[in-house]
Amino acid sequence: MALIPLKNTVTITPASGGTDEWDRPIPGTPYQLRCRIQEGTKLVRSASGAGGVHGVTAQEVVSVAQIYFDKIPVDPATGQVLGLTDTITFTDETGTVRTYTPISIEIKRGLNGKPILTVVNV
């Protein structure tokens, strides 16, 4: 049973691991997961892949929505965990399709250390 009601469904298109000639991730087979979407702006820190003298740098970016998943979002077919290069597609109540890429993925853990909720800022 989920910690919060999961009344929305999103389609996640994972990156297959390879890249095309323009260095964009090649999409894999999409799958659907139940979630809860909370739309609203929020200032979050995003780790950029550009490492400098001091290692990986972080930048502040604006998130337009937070997506809550029960435990850890995993592809049921391959067992691959949701990553920062995956694409999340959501169709709202009015039929508007929104496509997001994750900015940050936060796993919330219970007192026993097991994951209970994953928050994805998009």
PDB file of N, CA and C in Angstrom:
ATOM      1  N   MET A   1       0.842  -1.185   0.000  1.00  0.00           N
ATOM      2  CA  MET A   1       0.000   0.000   0.000  1.00  0.00           C
ATOM      3  C   MET A   1       0.884   1.245   0.000  1.00  0.00           C
ATOM      4  N   ALA A   2       0.510   2.208  -0.803  1.00  0.00           N
ATOM      5  CA  ALA A   2       1.304   3.423  -0.944  1.00  0.00           C
ATOM      6  C   ALA A   2       1.109   4.349   0.258  1.00  0.00           C
ATOM      7  N   LEU A   3       2.098   5.164   0.511  1.00  0.00           N
ATOM      8  CA  LEU A   3       2.063   6.125   1.597  1.00  0.00           C
ATOM      9  C   LEU A   3       1.031   7.220   1.328  1.00  0.00           C
ATOM     10  N   ILE A   4       0.889   7.625   0.061  1.00  0.00           N
ATOM     11  CA  ILE A   4      -0.094   8.623  -0.365  1.00  0.00           C
ATOM     12  C   ILE A   4      -0.916   8.030  -1.501  1.00  0.00           C
ATOM     13  N   PRO A   5      -2.129   8.535  -1.753  1.00  0.00           N
ATOM     14  CA  PRO A   5      -2.918   8.003  -2.873  1.00  0.00           C
ATOM     15  C   PRO A   5      -2.252   8.276  -4.219  1.00  0.00           C
ATOM     16  N   LEU A   6      -2.143   7.241  -5.045  1.00  0.00           N
ATOM     17  CA  LEU A   6      -1.524   7.360  -6.367  1.00  0.00           C
ATOM     18  C   LEU A   6      -2.634   7.312  -7.405  1.00  0.00           C
ATOM     19  N   LYS A   7      -3.157   8.489  -7.780  1.00  0.00           N
ATOM     20  CA  LYS A   7      -4.316   8.559  -8.666  1.00  0.00           C
ATOM     21  C   LYS A   7      -3.954   8.886 -10.109  1.00  0.00           C
ATOM     22  N   ASN A   8      -2.688   9.165 -10.387  1.00  0.00           N
ATOM     23  CA  ASN A   8      -2.254   9.498 -11.735  1.00  0.00           C
ATOM     24  C   ASN A   8      -1.430   8.361 -12.322  1.00  0.00           C
ATOM     25  N   THR A   9      -1.285   8.364 -13.638  1.00  0.00           N
ATOM     26  CA  THR A   9      -0.447   7.394 -14.331  1.00  0.00           C
ATOM     27  C   THR A   9       0.461   8.143 -15.297  1.00  0.00           C
ATOM     28  N   VAL A  10       1.733   7.775 -15.315  1.00  0.00           N
ATOM     29  CA  VAL A  10       2.679   8.361 -16.248  1.00  0.00           C
ATOM     30  C   VAL A  10       3.288   7.260 -17.107  1.00  0.00           C
ATOM     31  N   THR A  11       3.749   7.641 -18.292  1.00  0.00           N
ATOM     32  CA  THR A  11       4.476   6.736 -19.166  1.00  0.00           C
ATOM     33  C   THR A  11       5.944   7.130 -19.121  1.00  0.00           C
ATOM     34  N   ILE A  12       6.786   6.179 -18.772  1.00  0.00           N
ATOM     35  CA  ILE A  12       8.216   6.434 -18.664  1.00  0.00           C
ATOM     36  C   ILE A  12       8.912   5.759 -19.843  1.00  0.00           C
ATOM     37  N   THR A  13       9.699   6.553 -20.573  1.00  0.00           N
ATOM     38  CA  THR A  13      10.491   6.024 -21.676  1.00  0.00           C
ATOM     39  C   THR A  13      11.951   6.037 -21.236  1.00  0.00           C
ATOM     40  N   PRO A  14      12.504   4.867 -20.923  1.00  0.00           N
ATOM     41  CA  PRO A  14      13.885   4.835 -20.437  1.00  0.00           C
ATOM     42  C   PRO A  14      14.888   5.049 -21.567  1.00  0.00           C
ATOM     43  N   ALA A  15      16.044   5.553 -21.195  1.00  0.00           N
ATOM     44  CA  ALA A  15      17.149   5.640 -22.143  1.00  0.00           C
ATOM     45  C   ALA A  15      17.772   4.253 -22.224  1.00  0.00           C
ATOM     46  N   SER A  16      18.045   3.772 -23.420  1.00  0.00           N
ATOM     47  CA  SER A  16      18.528   2.396 -23.601  1.00  0.00           C
ATOM     48  C   SER A  16      19.995   2.217 -23.224  1.00  0.00           C
ATOM     49  N   GLY A  17      20.683   3.285 -22.954  1.00  0.00           N
ATOM     50  CA  GLY A  17      22.096   3.196 -22.587  1.00  0.00           C
ATOM     51  C   GLY A  17      23.020   3.712 -23.672  1.00  0.00           C
ATOM     52  N   GLY A  18      22.578   3.655 -24.934  1.00  0.00           N
ATOM     53  CA  GLY A  18      23.396   4.153 -26.034  1.00  0.00           C
ATOM     54  C   GLY A  18      22.993   5.566 -26.421  1.00  0.00           C
ATOM     55  N   THR A  19      23.745   6.152 -27.335  1.00  0.00           N
ATOM     56  CA  THR A  19      23.430   7.486 -27.840  1.00  0.00           C
ATOM     57  C   THR A  19      23.472   7.466 -29.357  1.00  0.00           C
ATOM     58  N   ASP A  20      22.760   8.423 -29.959  1.00  0.00           N
ATOM     59  CA  ASP A  20      22.770   8.532 -31.425  1.00  0.00           C
ATOM     60  C   ASP A  20      23.934   9.419 -31.859  1.00  0.00           C
ATOM     61  N   GLU A  21      23.978   9.763 -33.155  1.00  0.00           N
ATOM     62  CA  GLU A  21      25.106  10.543 -33.672  1.00  0.00           C
ATOM     63  C   GLU A  21      25.164  11.968 -33.131  1.00  0.00           C
ATOM     64  N   TRP A  22      24.055  12.468 -32.530  1.00  0.00           N
ATOM     65  CA  TRP A  22      24.041  13.806 -31.935  1.00  0.00           C
ATOM     66  C   TRP A  22      24.187  13.740 -30.422  1.00  0.00           C
ATOM     67  N   ASP A  23      24.592  12.576 -29.907  1.00  0.00           N
ATOM     68  CA  ASP A  23      24.850  12.351 -28.485  1.00  0.00           C
ATOM     69  C   ASP A  23      23.580  12.467 -27.634  1.00  0.00           C
ATOM     70  N   ARG A  24      22.420  12.152 -28.236  1.00  0.00           N
ATOM     71  CA  ARG A  24      21.162  12.102 -27.487  1.00  0.00           C
ATOM     72  C   ARG A  24      20.891  10.658 -27.110  1.00  0.00           C
ATOM     73  N   PRO A  25      20.295  10.414 -25.918  1.00  0.00           N
ATOM     74  CA  PRO A  25      20.013   9.030 -25.528  1.00  0.00           C
ATOM     75  C   PRO A  25      18.998   8.379 -26.462  1.00  0.00           C
ATOM     76  N   ILE A  26      19.218   7.110 -26.788  1.00  0.00           N
ATOM     77  CA  ILE A  26      18.284   6.352 -27.615  1.00  0.00           C
ATOM     78  C   ILE A  26      17.175   5.833 -26.709  1.00  0.00           C
ATOM     79  N   PRO A  27      15.896   6.104 -27.054  1.00  0.00           N
ATOM     80  CA  PRO A  27      14.800   5.667 -26.172  1.00  0.00           C
ATOM     81  C   PRO A  27      14.598   4.159 -26.210  1.00  0.00           C
ATOM     82  N   GLY A  28      14.203   3.618 -25.042  1.00  0.00           N
ATOM     83  CA  GLY A  28      13.912   2.196 -24.928  1.00  0.00           C
ATOM     84  C   GLY A  28      12.408   1.953 -25.008  1.00  0.00           C
ATOM     85  N   THR A  29      11.952   0.844 -24.473  1.00  0.00           N
ATOM     86  CA  THR A  29      10.539   0.473 -24.489  1.00  0.00           C
ATOM     87  C   THR A  29       9.811   1.174 -23.345  1.00  0.00           C
ATOM     88  N   PRO A  30       8.750   1.960 -23.646  1.00  0.00           N
ATOM     89  CA  PRO A  30       8.037   2.674 -22.589  1.00  0.00           C
ATOM     90  C   PRO A  30       7.218   1.733 -21.705  1.00  0.00           C
ATOM     91  N   TYR A  31       7.009   2.173 -20.470  1.00  0.00           N
ATOM     92  CA  TYR A  31       6.168   1.449 -19.522  1.00  0.00           C
ATOM     93  C   TYR A  31       5.398   2.459 -18.677  1.00  0.00           C
ATOM     94  N   GLN A  32       4.330   2.005 -18.025  1.00  0.00           N
ATOM     95  CA  GLN A  32       3.492   2.904 -17.234  1.00  0.00           C
ATOM     96  C   GLN A  32       3.602   2.577 -15.754  1.00  0.00           C
ATOM     97  N   LEU A  33       3.532   3.628 -14.920  1.00  0.00           N
ATOM     98  CA  LEU A  33       3.542   3.485 -13.472  1.00  0.00           C
ATOM     99  C   LEU A  33       2.505   4.418 -12.866  1.00  0.00           C
ATOM    100  N   ARG A  34       1.956   3.999 -11.738  1.00  0.00           N
ATOM    101  CA  ARG A  34       1.032   4.856 -11.000  1.00  0.00           C
ATOM    102  C   ARG A  34       1.854   5.828 -10.153  1.00  0.00           C
ATOM    103  N   CYS A  35       1.330   7.038  -9.994  1.00  0.00           N
ATOM    104  CA  CYS A  35       2.056   8.064  -9.270  1.00  0.00           C
ATOM    105  C   CYS A  35       1.089   9.132  -8.800  1.00  0.00           C
ATOM    106  N   ARG A  36       1.633  10.152  -8.191  1.00  0.00           N
ATOM    107  CA  ARG A  36       0.871  11.359  -7.849  1.00  0.00           C
ATOM    108  C   ARG A  36       1.691  12.540  -8.343  1.00  0.00           C
ATOM    109  N   ILE A  37       1.032  13.432  -9.076  1.00  0.00           N
ATOM    110  CA  ILE A  37       1.724  14.602  -9.623  1.00  0.00           C
ATOM    111  C   ILE A  37       1.231  15.848  -8.904  1.00  0.00           C
ATOM    112  N   GLN A  38       2.180  16.626  -8.411  1.00  0.00           N
ATOM    113  CA  GLN A  38       1.888  17.896  -7.755  1.00  0.00           C
ATOM    114  C   GLN A  38       2.534  18.979  -8.590  1.00  0.00           C
ATOM    115  N   GLU A  39       1.716  19.741  -9.310  1.00  0.00           N
ATOM    116  CA  GLU A  39       2.259  20.787 -10.169  1.00  0.00           C
ATOM    117  C   GLU A  39       2.452  22.068  -9.361  1.00  0.00           C
ATOM    118  N   GLY A  40       3.518  22.759  -9.636  1.00  0.00           N
ATOM    119  CA  GLY A  40       3.860  23.990  -8.938  1.00  0.00           C
ATOM    120  C   GLY A  40       5.358  24.198  -9.007  1.00  0.00           C
ATOM    121  N   THR A  41       5.779  25.430  -8.992  1.00  0.00           N
ATOM    122  CA  THR A  41       7.201  25.723  -9.137  1.00  0.00           C
ATOM    123  C   THR A  41       7.919  25.569  -7.808  1.00  0.00           C
ATOM    124  N   LYS A  42       9.159  25.137  -7.916  1.00  0.00           N
ATOM    125  CA  LYS A  42       9.989  24.905  -6.740  1.00  0.00           C
ATOM    126  C   LYS A  42      11.439  25.056  -7.166  1.00  0.00           C
ATOM    127  N   LEU A  43      12.252  25.683  -6.359  1.00  0.00           N
ATOM    128  CA  LEU A  43      13.674  25.848  -6.647  1.00  0.00           C
ATOM    129  C   LEU A  43      14.418  24.622  -6.121  1.00  0.00           C
ATOM    130  N   VAL A  44      15.111  23.897  -6.997  1.00  0.00           N
ATOM    131  CA  VAL A  44      15.842  22.693  -6.599  1.00  0.00           C
ATOM    132  C   VAL A  44      17.273  22.765  -7.103  1.00  0.00           C
ATOM    133  N   ARG A  45      18.127  21.941  -6.520  1.00  0.00           N
ATOM    134  CA  ARG A  45      19.517  21.828  -6.980  1.00  0.00           C
ATOM    135  C   ARG A  45      19.627  20.643  -7.913  1.00  0.00           C
ATOM    136  N   SER A  46      20.287  20.853  -9.025  1.00  0.00           N
ATOM    137  CA  SER A  46      20.493  19.803 -10.012  1.00  0.00           C
ATOM    138  C   SER A  46      21.991  19.605 -10.183  1.00  0.00           C
ATOM    139  N   ALA A  47      22.430  18.361 -10.106  1.00  0.00           N
ATOM    140  CA  ALA A  47      23.849  18.066 -10.315  1.00  0.00           C
ATOM    141  C   ALA A  47      24.120  18.026 -11.802  1.00  0.00           C
ATOM    142  N   SER A  48      25.046  18.839 -12.253  1.00  0.00           N
ATOM    143  CA  SER A  48      25.414  18.803 -13.665  1.00  0.00           C
ATOM    144  C   SER A  48      26.541  17.804 -13.836  1.00  0.00           C
ATOM    145  N   GLY A  49      26.615  17.219 -14.997  1.00  0.00           N
ATOM    146  CA  GLY A  49      27.649  16.228 -15.259  1.00  0.00           C
ATOM    147  C   GLY A  49      29.014  16.833 -15.512  1.00  0.00           C
ATOM    148  N   ALA A  50      29.076  18.157 -15.607  1.00  0.00           N
ATOM    149  CA  ALA A  50      30.344  18.810 -15.913  1.00  0.00           C
ATOM    150  C   ALA A  50      31.199  18.886 -14.653  1.00  0.00           C
ATOM    151  N   GLY A  51      32.219  18.093 -14.602  1.00  0.00           N
ATOM    152  CA  GLY A  51      33.126  18.122 -13.465  1.00  0.00           C
ATOM    153  C   GLY A  51      34.268  19.073 -13.740  1.00  0.00           C
ATOM    154  N   GLY A  52      34.631  19.818 -12.778  1.00  0.00           N
ATOM    155  CA  GLY A  52      35.738  20.744 -12.921  1.00  0.00           C
ATOM    156  C   GLY A  52      36.855  20.345 -11.979  1.00  0.00           C
ATOM    157  N   VAL A  53      37.584  21.315 -11.532  1.00  0.00           N
ATOM    158  CA  VAL A  53      38.665  21.073 -10.594  1.00  0.00           C
ATOM    159  C   VAL A  53      38.102  20.552  -9.272  1.00  0.00           C
ATOM    160  N   HIS A  54      36.924  21.027  -8.911  1.00  0.00           N
ATOM    161  CA  HIS A  54      36.325  20.661  -7.631  1.00  0.00           C
ATOM    162  C   HIS A  54      35.312  19.536  -7.758  1.00  0.00           C
ATOM    163  N   GLY A  55      35.272  18.813  -8.870  1.00  0.00           N
ATOM    164  CA  GLY A  55      34.359  17.690  -9.045  1.00  0.00           C
ATOM    165  C   GLY A  55      33.057  18.125  -9.688  1.00  0.00           C
ATOM    166  N   VAL A  56      31.991  17.397  -9.383  1.00  0.00           N
ATOM    167  CA  VAL A  56      30.691  17.674  -9.984  1.00  0.00           C
ATOM    168  C   VAL A  56      30.127  18.953  -9.394  1.00  0.00           C
ATOM    169  N   THR A  57      29.641  19.840 -10.251  1.00  0.00           N
ATOM    170  CA  THR A  57      29.069  21.093  -9.792  1.00  0.00           C
ATOM    171  C   THR A  57      27.551  20.978  -9.729  1.00  0.00           C
ATOM    172  N   ALA A  58      26.922  21.846  -8.962  1.00  0.00           N
ATOM    173  CA  ALA A  58      25.467  21.857  -8.856  1.00  0.00           C
ATOM    174  C   ALA A  58      24.965  23.233  -9.258  1.00  0.00           C
ATOM    175  N   GLN A  59      23.751  23.261  -9.778  1.00  0.00           N
ATOM    176  CA  GLN A  59      23.154  24.527 -10.155  1.00  0.00           C
ATOM    177  C   GLN A  59      21.724  24.554  -9.652  1.00  0.00           C
ATOM    178  N   GLU A  60      21.205  25.732  -9.410  1.00  0.00           N
ATOM    179  CA  GLU A  60      19.823  25.867  -8.971  1.00  0.00           C
ATOM    180  C   GLU A  60      18.939  26.054 -10.193  1.00  0.00           C
ATOM    181  N   VAL A  61      17.886  25.252 -10.291  1.00  0.00           N
ATOM    182  CA  VAL A  61      16.951  25.314 -11.407  1.00  0.00           C
ATOM    183  C   VAL A  61      15.533  25.303 -10.853  1.00  0.00           C
ATOM    184  N   VAL A  62      14.576  25.695 -11.677  1.00  0.00           N
ATOM    185  CA  VAL A  62      13.184  25.741 -11.258  1.00  0.00           C
ATOM    186  C   VAL A  62      12.478  24.473 -11.725  1.00  0.00           C
ATOM    187  N   SER A  63      11.865  23.776 -10.781  1.00  0.00           N
ATOM    188  CA  SER A  63      11.081  22.586 -11.077  1.00  0.00           C
ATOM    189  C   SER A  63       9.625  23.013 -11.269  1.00  0.00           C
ATOM    190  N   VAL A  64       8.941  22.445 -12.275  1.00  0.00           N
ATOM    191  CA  VAL A  64       7.547  22.819 -12.541  1.00  0.00           C
ATOM    192  C   VAL A  64       6.562  21.818 -11.949  1.00  0.00           C
ATOM    193  N   ALA A  65       7.045  20.639 -11.556  1.00  0.00           N
ATOM    194  CA  ALA A  65       6.165  19.632 -10.958  1.00  0.00           C
ATOM    195  C   ALA A  65       7.003  18.650 -10.147  1.00  0.00           C
ATOM    196  N   GLN A  66       6.341  18.021  -9.181  1.00  0.00           N
ATOM    197  CA  GLN A  66       6.947  16.961  -8.410  1.00  0.00           C
ATOM    198  C   GLN A  66       6.104  15.706  -8.634  1.00  0.00           C
ATOM    199  N   ILE A  67       6.763  14.592  -8.930  1.00  0.00           N
ATOM    200  CA  ILE A  67       6.076  13.334  -9.170  1.00  0.00           C
ATOM    201  C   ILE A  67       6.460  12.385  -8.047  1.00  0.00           C
ATOM    202  N   TYR A  68       5.456  11.847  -7.349  1.00  0.00           N
ATOM    203  CA  TYR A  68       5.659  10.955  -6.218  1.00  0.00           C
ATOM    204  C   TYR A  68       5.361   9.524  -6.644  1.00  0.00           C
ATOM    205  N   PHE A  69       6.319   8.621  -6.426  1.00  0.00           N
ATOM    206  CA  PHE A  69       6.165   7.199  -6.724  1.00  0.00           C
ATOM    207  C   PHE A  69       6.248   6.405  -5.431  1.00  0.00           C
ATOM    208  N   ASP A  70       5.547   5.275  -5.378  1.00  0.00           N
ATOM    209  CA  ASP A  70       5.640   4.368  -4.244  1.00  0.00           C
ATOM    210  C   ASP A  70       6.980   3.642  -4.305  1.00  0.00           C
ATOM    211  N   LYS A  71       7.690   3.630  -3.222  1.00  0.00           N
ATOM    212  CA  LYS A  71       9.001   2.987  -3.104  1.00  0.00           C
ATOM    213  C   LYS A  71       9.948   3.495  -4.187  1.00  0.00           C
ATOM    214  N   ILE A  72      10.519   2.609  -5.006  1.00  0.00           N
ATOM    215  CA  ILE A  72      11.448   3.022  -6.065  1.00  0.00           C
ATOM    216  C   ILE A  72      10.823   2.688  -7.416  1.00  0.00           C
ATOM    217  N   PRO A  73      10.737   3.668  -8.351  1.00  0.00           N
ATOM    218  CA  PRO A  73      10.155   3.376  -9.672  1.00  0.00           C
ATOM    219  C   PRO A  73      11.081   2.502 -10.511  1.00  0.00           C
ATOM    220  N   VAL A  74      10.586   1.304 -10.855  1.00  0.00           N
ATOM    221  CA  VAL A  74      11.387   0.319 -11.580  1.00  0.00           C
ATOM    222  C   VAL A  74      10.596  -0.167 -12.787  1.00  0.00           C
ATOM    223  N   ASP A  75      11.279  -0.352 -13.913  1.00  0.00           N
ATOM    224  CA  ASP A  75      10.678  -0.930 -15.109  1.00  0.00           C
ATOM    225  C   ASP A  75      10.337  -2.384 -14.805  1.00  0.00           C
ATOM    226  N   PRO A  76       9.038  -2.773 -14.900  1.00  0.00           N
ATOM    227  CA  PRO A  76       8.669  -4.143 -14.554  1.00  0.00           C
ATOM    228  C   PRO A  76       9.277  -5.195 -15.478  1.00  0.00           C
ATOM    229  N   ALA A  77       9.603  -4.840 -16.717  1.00  0.00           N
ATOM    230  CA  ALA A  77      10.140  -5.819 -17.659  1.00  0.00           C
ATOM    231  C   ALA A  77      11.636  -6.048 -17.478  1.00  0.00           C
ATOM    232  N   THR A  78      12.386  -4.971 -17.288  1.00  0.00           N
ATOM    233  CA  THR A  78      13.848  -5.095 -17.243  1.00  0.00           C
ATOM    234  C   THR A  78      14.436  -4.923 -15.849  1.00  0.00           C
ATOM    235  N   GLY A  79      13.687  -4.348 -14.924  1.00  0.00           N
ATOM    236  CA  GLY A  79      14.207  -4.096 -13.585  1.00  0.00           C
ATOM    237  C   GLY A  79      15.075  -2.861 -13.502  1.00  0.00           C
ATOM    238  N   GLN A  80      15.091  -2.044 -14.563  1.00  0.00           N
ATOM    239  CA  GLN A  80      15.900  -0.832 -14.598  1.00  0.00           C
ATOM    240  C   GLN A  80      15.220   0.263 -13.769  1.00  0.00           C
ATOM    241  N   VAL A  81      15.989   0.936 -12.931  1.00  0.00           N
ATOM    242  CA  VAL A  81      15.484   1.997 -12.070  1.00  0.00           C
ATOM    243  C   VAL A  81      15.399   3.300 -12.871  1.00  0.00           C
ATOM    244  N   LEU A  82      14.401   4.137 -12.556  1.00  0.00           N
ATOM    245  CA  LEU A  82      14.225   5.440 -13.206  1.00  0.00           C
ATOM    246  C   LEU A  82      15.491   6.266 -13.068  1.00  0.00           C
ATOM    247  N   GLY A  83      15.957   6.843 -14.183  1.00  0.00           N
ATOM    248  CA  GLY A  83      17.193   7.631 -14.180  1.00  0.00           C
ATOM    249  C   GLY A  83      16.974   9.041 -14.689  1.00  0.00           C
ATOM    250  N   LEU A  84      18.011   9.855 -14.606  1.00  0.00           N
ATOM    251  CA  LEU A  84      17.935  11.264 -15.008  1.00  0.00           C
ATOM    252  C   LEU A  84      17.841  11.441 -16.519  1.00  0.00           C
ATOM    253  N   THR A  85      18.173  10.422 -17.299  1.00  0.00           N
ATOM    254  CA  THR A  85      18.097  10.535 -18.758  1.00  0.00           C
ATOM    255  C   THR A  85      16.781  10.004 -19.320  1.00  0.00           C
ATOM    256  N   ASP A  86      15.901   9.483 -18.455  1.00  0.00           N
ATOM    257  CA  ASP A  86      14.608   8.969 -18.907  1.00  0.00           C
ATOM    258  C   ASP A  86      13.646  10.114 -19.189  1.00  0.00           C
ATOM    259  N   THR A  87      12.586   9.822 -19.935  1.00  0.00           N
ATOM    260  CA  THR A  87      11.560  10.808 -20.266  1.00  0.00           C
ATOM    261  C   THR A  87      10.241  10.375 -19.634  1.00  0.00           C
ATOM    262  N   ILE A  88       9.552  11.329 -18.989  1.00  0.00           N
ATOM    263  CA  ILE A  88       8.279  11.053 -18.336  1.00  0.00           C
ATOM    264  C   ILE A  88       7.181  11.811 -19.065  1.00  0.00           C
ATOM    265  N   THR A  89       6.130  11.108 -19.500  1.00  0.00           N
ATOM    266  CA  THR A  89       5.011  11.712 -20.220  1.00  0.00           C
ATOM    267  C   THR A  89       3.754  11.584 -19.373  1.00  0.00           C
ATOM    268  N   PHE A  90       3.036  12.695 -19.218  1.00  0.00           N
ATOM    269  CA  PHE A  90       1.832  12.742 -18.405  1.00  0.00           C
ATOM    270  C   PHE A  90       0.716  13.414 -19.193  1.00  0.00           C
ATOM    271  N   THR A  91      -0.468  12.801 -19.184  1.00  0.00           N
ATOM    272  CA  THR A  91      -1.657  13.394 -19.796  1.00  0.00           C
ATOM    273  C   THR A  91      -2.586  13.817 -18.670  1.00  0.00           C
ATOM    274  N   ASP A  92      -2.872  15.123 -18.568  1.00  0.00           N
ATOM    275  CA  ASP A  92      -3.712  15.596 -17.471  1.00  0.00           C
ATOM    276  C   ASP A  92      -5.198  15.416 -17.774  1.00  0.00           C
ATOM    277  N   GLU A  93      -6.036  15.906 -16.884  1.00  0.00           N
ATOM    278  CA  GLU A  93      -7.478  15.720 -16.970  1.00  0.00           C
ATOM    279  C   GLU A  93      -8.098  16.401 -18.188  1.00  0.00           C
ATOM    280  N   THR A  94      -7.456  17.419 -18.731  1.00  0.00           N
ATOM    281  CA  THR A  94      -7.985  18.140 -19.886  1.00  0.00           C
ATOM    282  C   THR A  94      -7.486  17.570 -21.206  1.00  0.00           C
ATOM    283  N   GLY A  95      -6.635  16.532 -21.152  1.00  0.00           N
ATOM    284  CA  GLY A  95      -6.110  15.921 -22.362  1.00  0.00           C
ATOM    285  C   GLY A  95      -4.790  16.507 -22.835  1.00  0.00           C
ATOM    286  N   THR A  96      -4.238  17.442 -22.076  1.00  0.00           N
ATOM    287  CA  THR A  96      -2.953  18.043 -22.432  1.00  0.00           C
ATOM    288  C   THR A  96      -1.821  17.075 -22.093  1.00  0.00           C
ATOM    289  N   VAL A  97      -0.968  16.809 -23.074  1.00  0.00           N
ATOM    290  CA  VAL A  97       0.158  15.896 -22.871  1.00  0.00           C
ATOM    291  C   VAL A  97       1.390  16.720 -22.524  1.00  0.00           C
ATOM    292  N   ARG A  98       2.032  16.353 -21.414  1.00  0.00           N
ATOM    293  CA  ARG A  98       3.250  17.041 -20.981  1.00  0.00           C
ATOM    294  C   ARG A  98       4.376  16.034 -20.917  1.00  0.00           C
ATOM    295  N   THR A  99       5.527  16.413 -21.429  1.00  0.00           N
ATOM    296  CA  THR A  99       6.697  15.541 -21.410  1.00  0.00           C
ATOM    297  C   THR A  99       7.780  16.214 -20.567  1.00  0.00           C
ATOM    298  N   TYR A 100       8.314  15.459 -19.630  1.00  0.00           N
ATOM    299  CA  TYR A 100       9.303  15.986 -18.690  1.00  0.00           C
ATOM    300  C   TYR A 100      10.566  15.121 -18.709  1.00  0.00           C
ATOM    301  N   THR A 101      11.679  15.728 -18.316  1.00  0.00           N
ATOM    302  CA  THR A 101      12.892  14.987 -17.984  1.00  0.00           C
ATOM    303  C   THR A 101      13.217  15.284 -16.527  1.00  0.00           C
ATOM    304  N   PRO A 102      13.622  14.312 -15.760  1.00  0.00           N
ATOM    305  CA  PRO A 102      13.897  14.539 -14.335  1.00  0.00           C
ATOM    306  C   PRO A 102      15.054  15.509 -14.109  1.00  0.00           C
ATOM    307  N   ILE A 103      14.872  16.372 -13.119  1.00  0.00           N
ATOM    308  CA  ILE A 103      15.937  17.270 -12.676  1.00  0.00           C
ATOM    309  C   ILE A 103      16.688  16.620 -11.525  1.00  0.00           C
ATOM    310  N   SER A 104      15.926  16.088 -10.573  1.00  0.00           N
ATOM    311  CA  SER A 104      16.528  15.384  -9.441  1.00  0.00           C
ATOM    312  C   SER A 104      15.592  14.266  -8.994  1.00  0.00           C
ATOM    313  N   ILE A 105      16.172  13.233  -8.422  1.00  0.00           N
ATOM    314  CA  ILE A 105      15.416  12.087  -7.919  1.00  0.00           C
ATOM    315  C   ILE A 105      15.814  11.900  -6.457  1.00  0.00           C
ATOM    316  N   GLU A 106      14.827  12.013  -5.562  1.00  0.00           N
ATOM    317  CA  GLU A 106      15.077  11.893  -4.129  1.00  0.00           C
ATOM    318  C   GLU A 106      14.338  10.675  -3.597  1.00  0.00           C
ATOM    319  N   ILE A 107      15.054   9.776  -2.948  1.00  0.00           N
ATOM    320  CA  ILE A 107      14.443   8.592  -2.348  1.00  0.00           C
ATOM    321  C   ILE A 107      14.297   8.844  -0.856  1.00  0.00           C
ATOM    322  N   LYS A 108      13.057   8.816  -0.376  1.00  0.00           N
ATOM    323  CA  LYS A 108      12.769   8.997   1.049  1.00  0.00           C
ATOM    324  C   LYS A 108      12.739   7.624   1.704  1.00  0.00           C
ATOM    325  N   ARG A 109      13.403   7.488   2.848  1.00  0.00           N
ATOM    326  CA  ARG A 109      13.498   6.204   3.524  1.00  0.00           C
ATOM    327  C   ARG A 109      12.810   6.259   4.885  1.00  0.00           C
ATOM    328  N   GLY A 110      12.287   5.114   5.298  1.00  0.00           N
ATOM    329  CA  GLY A 110      11.640   4.997   6.599  1.00  0.00           C
ATOM    330  C   GLY A 110      12.675   4.837   7.697  1.00  0.00           C
ATOM    331  N   LEU A 111      12.198   4.630   8.922  1.00  0.00           N
ATOM    332  CA  LEU A 111      13.099   4.464  10.057  1.00  0.00           C
ATOM    333  C   LEU A 111      13.949   3.205   9.952  1.00  0.00           C
ATOM    334  N   ASN A 112      13.457   2.204   9.226  1.00  0.00           N
ATOM    335  CA  ASN A 112      14.225   0.964   9.061  1.00  0.00           C
ATOM    336  C   ASN A 112      15.211   1.040   7.897  1.00  0.00           C
ATOM    337  N   GLY A 113      15.239   2.168   7.169  1.00  0.00           N
ATOM    338  CA  GLY A 113      16.176   2.359   6.067  1.00  0.00           C
ATOM    339  C   GLY A 113      15.670   1.916   4.714  1.00  0.00           C
ATOM    340  N   LYS A 114      14.460   1.328   4.663  1.00  0.00           N
ATOM    341  CA  LYS A 114      13.918   0.893   3.390  1.00  0.00           C
ATOM    342  C   LYS A 114      13.225   2.056   2.685  1.00  0.00           C
ATOM    343  N   PRO A 115      13.289   2.105   1.341  1.00  0.00           N
ATOM    344  CA  PRO A 115      12.634   3.200   0.603  1.00  0.00           C
ATOM    345  C   PRO A 115      11.125   3.114   0.729  1.00  0.00           C
ATOM    346  N   ILE A 116      10.502   4.255   1.015  1.00  0.00           N
ATOM    347  CA  ILE A 116       9.041   4.297   1.121  1.00  0.00           C
ATOM    348  C   ILE A 116       8.414   5.201   0.079  1.00  0.00           C
ATOM    349  N   LEU A 117       9.185   6.139  -0.484  1.00  0.00           N
ATOM    350  CA  LEU A 117       8.643   7.119  -1.432  1.00  0.00           C
ATOM    351  C   LEU A 117       9.794   7.678  -2.254  1.00  0.00           C
ATOM    352  N   THR A 118       9.532   7.902  -3.535  1.00  0.00           N
ATOM    353  CA  THR A 118      10.507   8.564  -4.400  1.00  0.00           C
ATOM    354  C   THR A 118       9.881   9.828  -4.965  1.00  0.00           C
ATOM    355  N   VAL A 119      10.578  10.950  -4.818  1.00  0.00           N
ATOM    356  CA  VAL A 119      10.122  12.237  -5.321  1.00  0.00           C
ATOM    357  C   VAL A 119      11.014  12.611  -6.500  1.00  0.00           C
ATOM    358  N   VAL A 120      10.382  12.816  -7.666  1.00  0.00           N
ATOM    359  CA  VAL A 120      11.116  13.200  -8.871  1.00  0.00           C
ATOM    360  C   VAL A 120      10.722  14.638  -9.208  1.00  0.00           C
ATOM    361  N   ASN A 121      11.693  15.531  -9.197  1.00  0.00           N
ATOM    362  CA  ASN A 121      11.457  16.916  -9.576  1.00  0.00           C
ATOM    363  C   ASN A 121      11.694  17.048 -11.068  1.00  0.00           C
ATOM    364  N   VAL A 122      10.698  17.600 -11.774  1.00  0.00           N
ATOM    365  CA  VAL A 122      10.787  17.769 -13.229  1.00  0.00           C
ATOM    366  C   VAL A 122      10.585  19.228 -13.588  1.00  0.00           C
TER     367      VAL A 122
END
